[in-house]
Amino acid sequence: MSPQLVEFLILGVIAIVIIAKLISILGVTDADEKNIHSAFGSKNGTKIKSVYGITEDLDSKPSFSNSEWSETLDKIPDFNEVKFVNGATKVFHLVVTALQTKDLNSIEELVDKRFFASLENIMLNYDSIDISNVKLAIEDVYSFGNSVYIRTKISGIKAEEFWIFTKNINDTSKNWDLSNIEKLN
């Protein structure tokens, strides 16, 4: 073999290795990922998607009084406070109903994987809660690393609670995960 042919083969192998490494790191986008999911929608777009039929005009971006919130939420360009609160309220109803019926599999896509295991421990706390008059409001917004956290205050139940929702700013989906529940004593 001539040295030029060997050099050409080596460069070809290096190019293939680099392309394969880029694909493995960056991934590929299939048709399902290109669909626009609503806030808190399911990752496969079928199981929970129909629950979020919000019909209000949600195109206007609200102005936040807290400048820290604005700076944090600017990391998520399509964030809408009204849509988030409506979605979080519906997620609250879904999660509490699932805890009352002991059907955790139905909410697995709504809850952060690290927090999902602890739901069994708090299941009994929600047996007799009336969720018909629940009010939810954003209490705090902050970021840590690549994650944005929204702390929501749940009122209208026996004891007020804070539910924390998380989203990775590098994630292109519009999904927020329930990552913690804090009870006020």
C-alpha atoms as a PDB file:
ATOM      1  CA  MET A   1       0.000   0.000   0.000  1.00  0.00           C
ATOM      2  CA  SER A   2       1.141   3.455  -0.752  1.00  0.00           C
ATOM      3  CA  PRO A   3       1.668   5.867   2.151  1.00  0.00           C
ATOM      4  CA  GLN A   4      -0.933   8.239   0.701  1.00  0.00           C
ATOM      5  CA  LEU A   5      -3.626   5.541   0.740  1.00  0.00           C
ATOM      6  CA  VAL A   6      -2.794   4.605   4.351  1.00  0.00           C
ATOM      7  CA  GLU A   7      -2.941   8.263   5.338  1.00  0.00           C
ATOM      8  CA  PHE A   8      -6.303   8.647   3.571  1.00  0.00           C
ATOM      9  CA  LEU A   9      -7.717   5.575   5.373  1.00  0.00           C
ATOM     10  CA  ILE A  10      -6.496   6.830   8.771  1.00  0.00           C
ATOM     11  CA  LEU A  11      -8.106  10.246   8.210  1.00  0.00           C
ATOM     12  CA  GLY A  12     -11.338   8.528   7.100  1.00  0.00           C
ATOM     13  CA  VAL A  13     -11.430   6.417  10.276  1.00  0.00           C
ATOM     14  CA  ILE A  14     -10.757   9.504  12.434  1.00  0.00           C
ATOM     15  CA  ALA A  15     -13.603  11.386  10.693  1.00  0.00           C
ATOM     16  CA  ILE A  16     -16.019   8.493  11.258  1.00  0.00           C
ATOM     17  CA  VAL A  17     -15.038   8.260  14.951  1.00  0.00           C
ATOM     18  CA  ILE A  18     -15.531  12.021  15.429  1.00  0.00           C
ATOM     19  CA  ILE A  19     -18.942  11.964  13.703  1.00  0.00           C
ATOM     20  CA  ALA A  20     -20.067   8.940  15.747  1.00  0.00           C
ATOM     21  CA  LYS A  21     -18.941  10.641  18.972  1.00  0.00           C
ATOM     22  CA  LEU A  22     -20.818  13.852  18.067  1.00  0.00           C
ATOM     23  CA  ILE A  23     -24.001  11.893  17.351  1.00  0.00           C
ATOM     24  CA  SER A  24     -23.712  10.007  20.640  1.00  0.00           C
ATOM     25  CA  ILE A  25     -23.192  13.246  22.598  1.00  0.00           C
ATOM     26  CA  LEU A  26     -25.666  15.494  20.797  1.00  0.00           C
ATOM     27  CA  GLY A  27     -28.176  12.822  19.876  1.00  0.00           C
ATOM     28  CA  VAL A  28     -30.679  12.921  17.086  1.00  0.00           C
ATOM     29  CA  THR A  29     -34.167  14.403  16.993  1.00  0.00           C
ATOM     30  CA  ASP A  30     -36.976  12.175  15.851  1.00  0.00           C
ATOM     31  CA  ALA A  31     -40.447  13.287  14.768  1.00  0.00           C
ATOM     32  CA  ASP A  32     -41.973  12.816  18.249  1.00  0.00           C
ATOM     33  CA  GLU A  33     -39.473  15.202  19.859  1.00  0.00           C
ATOM     34  CA  LYS A  34     -40.276  17.895  17.308  1.00  0.00           C
ATOM     35  CA  ASN A  35     -43.912  18.045  18.465  1.00  0.00           C
ATOM     36  CA  ILE A  36     -44.640  20.882  20.823  1.00  0.00           C
ATOM     37  CA  HIS A  37     -45.624  19.596  24.256  1.00  0.00           C
ATOM     38  CA  SER A  38     -47.634  21.667  26.674  1.00  0.00           C
ATOM     39  CA  ALA A  39     -46.235  22.395  30.119  1.00  0.00           C
ATOM     40  CA  PHE A  40     -46.214  19.206  32.174  1.00  0.00           C
ATOM     41  CA  GLY A  41     -47.152  17.164  29.099  1.00  0.00           C
ATOM     42  CA  SER A  42     -46.024  13.592  28.837  1.00  0.00           C
ATOM     43  CA  LYS A  43     -42.691  12.815  27.266  1.00  0.00           C
ATOM     44  CA  ASN A  44     -44.293  10.623  24.628  1.00  0.00           C
ATOM     45  CA  GLY A  45     -47.074  13.119  24.020  1.00  0.00           C
ATOM     46  CA  THR A  46     -50.016  10.761  24.505  1.00  0.00           C
ATOM     47  CA  LYS A  47     -50.710   9.795  28.091  1.00  0.00           C
ATOM     48  CA  ILE A  48     -51.351  13.162  29.753  1.00  0.00           C
ATOM     49  CA  LYS A  49     -51.422  15.593  26.841  1.00  0.00           C
ATOM     50  CA  SER A  50     -55.220  15.895  26.643  1.00  0.00           C
ATOM     51  CA  VAL A  51     -55.498  17.015  30.285  1.00  0.00           C
ATOM     52  CA  TYR A  52     -54.011  20.411  29.474  1.00  0.00           C
ATOM     53  CA  GLY A  53     -56.630  21.878  27.150  1.00  0.00           C
ATOM     54  CA  ILE A  54     -56.073  25.455  28.258  1.00  0.00           C
ATOM     55  CA  THR A  55     -58.069  27.791  26.018  1.00  0.00           C
ATOM     56  CA  GLU A  56     -57.152  31.210  27.409  1.00  0.00           C
ATOM     57  CA  ASP A  57     -54.948  33.593  25.450  1.00  0.00           C
ATOM     58  CA  LEU A  58     -51.528  32.693  26.806  1.00  0.00           C
ATOM     59  CA  ASP A  59     -49.309  34.408  24.253  1.00  0.00           C
ATOM     60  CA  SER A  60     -48.444  37.473  26.297  1.00  0.00           C
ATOM     61  CA  LYS A  61     -45.413  37.131  28.530  1.00  0.00           C
ATOM     62  CA  PRO A  62     -46.174  38.530  31.990  1.00  0.00           C
ATOM     63  CA  SER A  63     -43.948  41.088  33.611  1.00  0.00           C
ATOM     64  CA  PHE A  64     -42.620  39.907  36.945  1.00  0.00           C
ATOM     65  CA  SER A  65     -42.239  42.353  39.784  1.00  0.00           C
ATOM     66  CA  ASN A  66     -39.241  40.490  41.119  1.00  0.00           C
ATOM     67  CA  SER A  67     -36.217  41.158  38.894  1.00  0.00           C
ATOM     68  CA  GLU A  68     -34.511  37.938  40.041  1.00  0.00           C
ATOM     69  CA  TRP A  69     -37.485  35.978  38.747  1.00  0.00           C
ATOM     70  CA  SER A  70     -37.269  37.744  35.399  1.00  0.00           C
ATOM     71  CA  GLU A  71     -33.562  37.030  35.095  1.00  0.00           C
ATOM     72  CA  THR A  72     -34.073  33.370  35.977  1.00  0.00           C
ATOM     73  CA  LEU A  73     -37.096  32.864  33.742  1.00  0.00           C
ATOM     74  CA  ASP A  74     -35.379  34.582  30.820  1.00  0.00           C
ATOM     75  CA  LYS A  75     -33.333  31.375  30.612  1.00  0.00           C
ATOM     76  CA  ILE A  76     -36.596  29.721  29.489  1.00  0.00           C
ATOM     77  CA  PRO A  77     -37.729  31.911  26.584  1.00  0.00           C
ATOM     78  CA  ASP A  78     -41.228  30.463  26.135  1.00  0.00           C
ATOM     79  CA  PHE A  79     -42.195  30.485  29.828  1.00  0.00           C
ATOM     80  CA  ASN A  80     -45.687  31.780  30.574  1.00  0.00           C
ATOM     81  CA  GLU A  81     -46.785  32.297  34.178  1.00  0.00           C
ATOM     82  CA  VAL A  82     -50.509  31.779  33.548  1.00  0.00           C
ATOM     83  CA  LYS A  83     -49.931  28.581  31.602  1.00  0.00           C
ATOM     84  CA  PHE A  84     -47.524  27.321  34.255  1.00  0.00           C
ATOM     85  CA  VAL A  85     -49.958  27.976  37.140  1.00  0.00           C
ATOM     86  CA  ASN A  86     -52.815  26.298  35.251  1.00  0.00           C
ATOM     87  CA  GLY A  87     -50.628  23.294  34.448  1.00  0.00           C
ATOM     88  CA  ALA A  88     -49.261  23.068  38.000  1.00  0.00           C
ATOM     89  CA  THR A  89     -52.805  23.161  39.415  1.00  0.00           C
ATOM     90  CA  LYS A  90     -53.825  20.309  37.131  1.00  0.00           C
ATOM     91  CA  VAL A  91     -50.692  18.386  38.082  1.00  0.00           C
ATOM     92  CA  PHE A  92     -51.598  18.891  41.756  1.00  0.00           C
ATOM     93  CA  HIS A  93     -55.032  17.361  41.104  1.00  0.00           C
ATOM     94  CA  LEU A  94     -53.520  14.454  39.154  1.00  0.00           C
ATOM     95  CA  VAL A  95     -50.851  13.710  41.771  1.00  0.00           C
ATOM     96  CA  VAL A  96     -53.208  13.906  44.763  1.00  0.00           C
ATOM     97  CA  THR A  97     -55.792  11.735  42.973  1.00  0.00           C
ATOM     98  CA  ALA A  98     -53.075   9.202  42.140  1.00  0.00           C
ATOM     99  CA  LEU A  99     -51.879   9.218  45.763  1.00  0.00           C
ATOM    100  CA  GLN A 100     -55.441   8.710  47.006  1.00  0.00           C
ATOM    101  CA  THR A 101     -56.039   5.801  44.616  1.00  0.00           C
ATOM    102  CA  LYS A 102     -52.492   4.479  45.180  1.00  0.00           C
ATOM    103  CA  ASP A 103     -51.843   4.538  41.426  1.00  0.00           C
ATOM    104  CA  LEU A 104     -48.339   5.992  41.255  1.00  0.00           C
ATOM    105  CA  ASN A 105     -47.634   4.610  37.778  1.00  0.00           C
ATOM    106  CA  SER A 106     -50.085   7.108  36.258  1.00  0.00           C
ATOM    107  CA  ILE A 107     -48.005  10.075  37.456  1.00  0.00           C
ATOM    108  CA  GLU A 108     -44.511   8.718  36.880  1.00  0.00           C
ATOM    109  CA  GLU A 109     -43.900  11.108  33.961  1.00  0.00           C
ATOM    110  CA  LEU A 110     -44.888  14.153  36.044  1.00  0.00           C
ATOM    111  CA  VAL A 111     -42.510  13.535  38.944  1.00  0.00           C
ATOM    112  CA  ASP A 112     -38.728  13.778  39.047  1.00  0.00           C
ATOM    113  CA  LYS A 113     -37.219  10.295  39.187  1.00  0.00           C
ATOM    114  CA  ARG A 114     -35.282  11.105  42.371  1.00  0.00           C
ATOM    115  CA  PHE A 115     -38.465  12.233  44.164  1.00  0.00           C
ATOM    116  CA  PHE A 116     -40.750   9.518  42.788  1.00  0.00           C
ATOM    117  CA  ALA A 117     -39.501   6.879  45.236  1.00  0.00           C
ATOM    118  CA  SER A 118     -40.441   9.025  48.241  1.00  0.00           C
ATOM    119  CA  LEU A 119     -44.076   9.396  47.153  1.00  0.00           C
ATOM    120  CA  GLU A 120     -44.998   6.072  48.755  1.00  0.00           C
ATOM    121  CA  ASN A 121     -43.965   7.464  52.140  1.00  0.00           C
ATOM    122  CA  ILE A 122     -46.341  10.442  51.908  1.00  0.00           C
ATOM    123  CA  MET A 123     -49.249   8.610  50.289  1.00  0.00           C
ATOM    124  CA  LEU A 124     -51.242   8.297  53.531  1.00  0.00           C
ATOM    125  CA  ASN A 125     -51.105  12.083  54.116  1.00  0.00           C
ATOM    126  CA  TYR A 126     -53.415  12.620  51.131  1.00  0.00           C
ATOM    127  CA  ASP A 127     -56.143  10.054  51.846  1.00  0.00           C
ATOM    128  CA  SER A 128     -58.794  12.498  53.030  1.00  0.00           C
ATOM    129  CA  ILE A 129     -57.805  15.768  51.365  1.00  0.00           C
ATOM    130  CA  ASP A 130     -60.487  17.730  49.519  1.00  0.00           C
ATOM    131  CA  ILE A 131     -58.832  19.224  46.441  1.00  0.00           C
ATOM    132  CA  SER A 132     -61.825  21.093  45.035  1.00  0.00           C
ATOM    133  CA  ASN A 133     -60.894  24.533  46.465  1.00  0.00           C
ATOM    134  CA  VAL A 134     -57.144  24.466  45.936  1.00  0.00           C
ATOM    135  CA  LYS A 135     -55.326  27.645  45.013  1.00  0.00           C
ATOM    136  CA  LEU A 136     -51.807  27.667  43.665  1.00  0.00           C
ATOM    137  CA  ALA A 137     -49.456  30.632  43.347  1.00  0.00           C
ATOM    138  CA  ILE A 138     -45.805  31.038  42.442  1.00  0.00           C
ATOM    139  CA  GLU A 139     -43.909  31.775  45.646  1.00  0.00           C
ATOM    140  CA  ASP A 140     -40.300  31.824  44.428  1.00  0.00           C
ATOM    141  CA  VAL A 141     -38.208  31.234  41.318  1.00  0.00           C
ATOM    142  CA  TYR A 142     -34.516  30.390  41.439  1.00  0.00           C
ATOM    143  CA  SER A 143     -31.869  28.522  39.526  1.00  0.00           C
ATOM    144  CA  PHE A 144     -29.011  26.276  40.490  1.00  0.00           C
ATOM    145  CA  GLY A 145     -26.628  25.097  37.814  1.00  0.00           C
ATOM    146  CA  ASN A 146     -28.619  24.171  34.717  1.00  0.00           C
ATOM    147  CA  SER A 147     -31.900  23.757  36.586  1.00  0.00           C
ATOM    148  CA  VAL A 148     -34.658  26.274  37.209  1.00  0.00           C
ATOM    149  CA  TYR A 149     -36.865  25.740  40.250  1.00  0.00           C
ATOM    150  CA  ILE A 150     -40.318  27.204  40.796  1.00  0.00           C
ATOM    151  CA  ARG A 151     -41.652  27.003  44.340  1.00  0.00           C
ATOM    152  CA  THR A 152     -45.445  27.110  44.368  1.00  0.00           C
ATOM    153  CA  LYS A 153     -47.642  27.646  47.401  1.00  0.00           C
ATOM    154  CA  ILE A 154     -50.666  25.365  47.649  1.00  0.00           C
ATOM    155  CA  SER A 155     -53.498  26.721  49.794  1.00  0.00           C
ATOM    156  CA  GLY A 156     -57.078  25.593  50.310  1.00  0.00           C
ATOM    157  CA  ILE A 157     -56.202  22.260  51.919  1.00  0.00           C
ATOM    158  CA  LYS A 158     -55.777  21.348  55.603  1.00  0.00           C
ATOM    159  CA  ALA A 159     -52.172  22.547  55.807  1.00  0.00           C
ATOM    160  CA  GLU A 160     -50.421  24.790  53.335  1.00  0.00           C
ATOM    161  CA  GLU A 161     -47.734  23.144  51.259  1.00  0.00           C
ATOM    162  CA  PHE A 162     -45.019  24.176  48.873  1.00  0.00           C
ATOM    163  CA  TRP A 163     -44.599  22.132  45.707  1.00  0.00           C
ATOM    164  CA  ILE A 164     -41.345  22.615  43.832  1.00  0.00           C
ATOM    165  CA  PHE A 165     -41.194  22.088  40.084  1.00  0.00           C
ATOM    166  CA  THR A 166     -37.921  21.730  38.184  1.00  0.00           C
ATOM    167  CA  LYS A 167     -36.824  22.125  34.588  1.00  0.00           C
ATOM    168  CA  ASN A 168     -33.382  21.713  33.045  1.00  0.00           C
ATOM    169  CA  ILE A 169     -32.665  24.783  30.901  1.00  0.00           C
ATOM    170  CA  ASN A 170     -30.861  22.616  28.349  1.00  0.00           C
ATOM    171  CA  ASP A 171     -33.964  20.455  27.878  1.00  0.00           C
ATOM    172  CA  THR A 172     -35.846  21.524  24.766  1.00  0.00           C
ATOM    173  CA  SER A 173     -39.171  20.107  25.939  1.00  0.00           C
ATOM    174  CA  LYS A 174     -41.642  22.238  27.870  1.00  0.00           C
ATOM    175  CA  ASN A 175     -42.001  19.640  30.617  1.00  0.00           C
ATOM    176  CA  TRP A 176     -41.634  20.585  34.277  1.00  0.00           C
ATOM    177  CA  ASP A 177     -41.190  17.849  36.890  1.00  0.00           C
ATOM    178  CA  LEU A 178     -42.473  17.850  40.452  1.00  0.00           C
ATOM    179  CA  SER A 179     -39.250  17.573  42.446  1.00  0.00           C
ATOM    180  CA  ASN A 180     -40.295  18.100  46.079  1.00  0.00           C
ATOM    181  CA  ILE A 181     -43.199  18.717  48.445  1.00  0.00           C
ATOM    182  CA  GLU A 182     -42.615  20.784  51.580  1.00  0.00           C
ATOM    183  CA  LYS A 183     -45.248  20.863  54.320  1.00  0.00           C
ATOM    184  CA  LEU A 184     -45.709  23.819  56.635  1.00  0.00           C
ATOM    185  CA  ASN A 185     -45.952  22.689  60.242  1.00  0.00           C
END
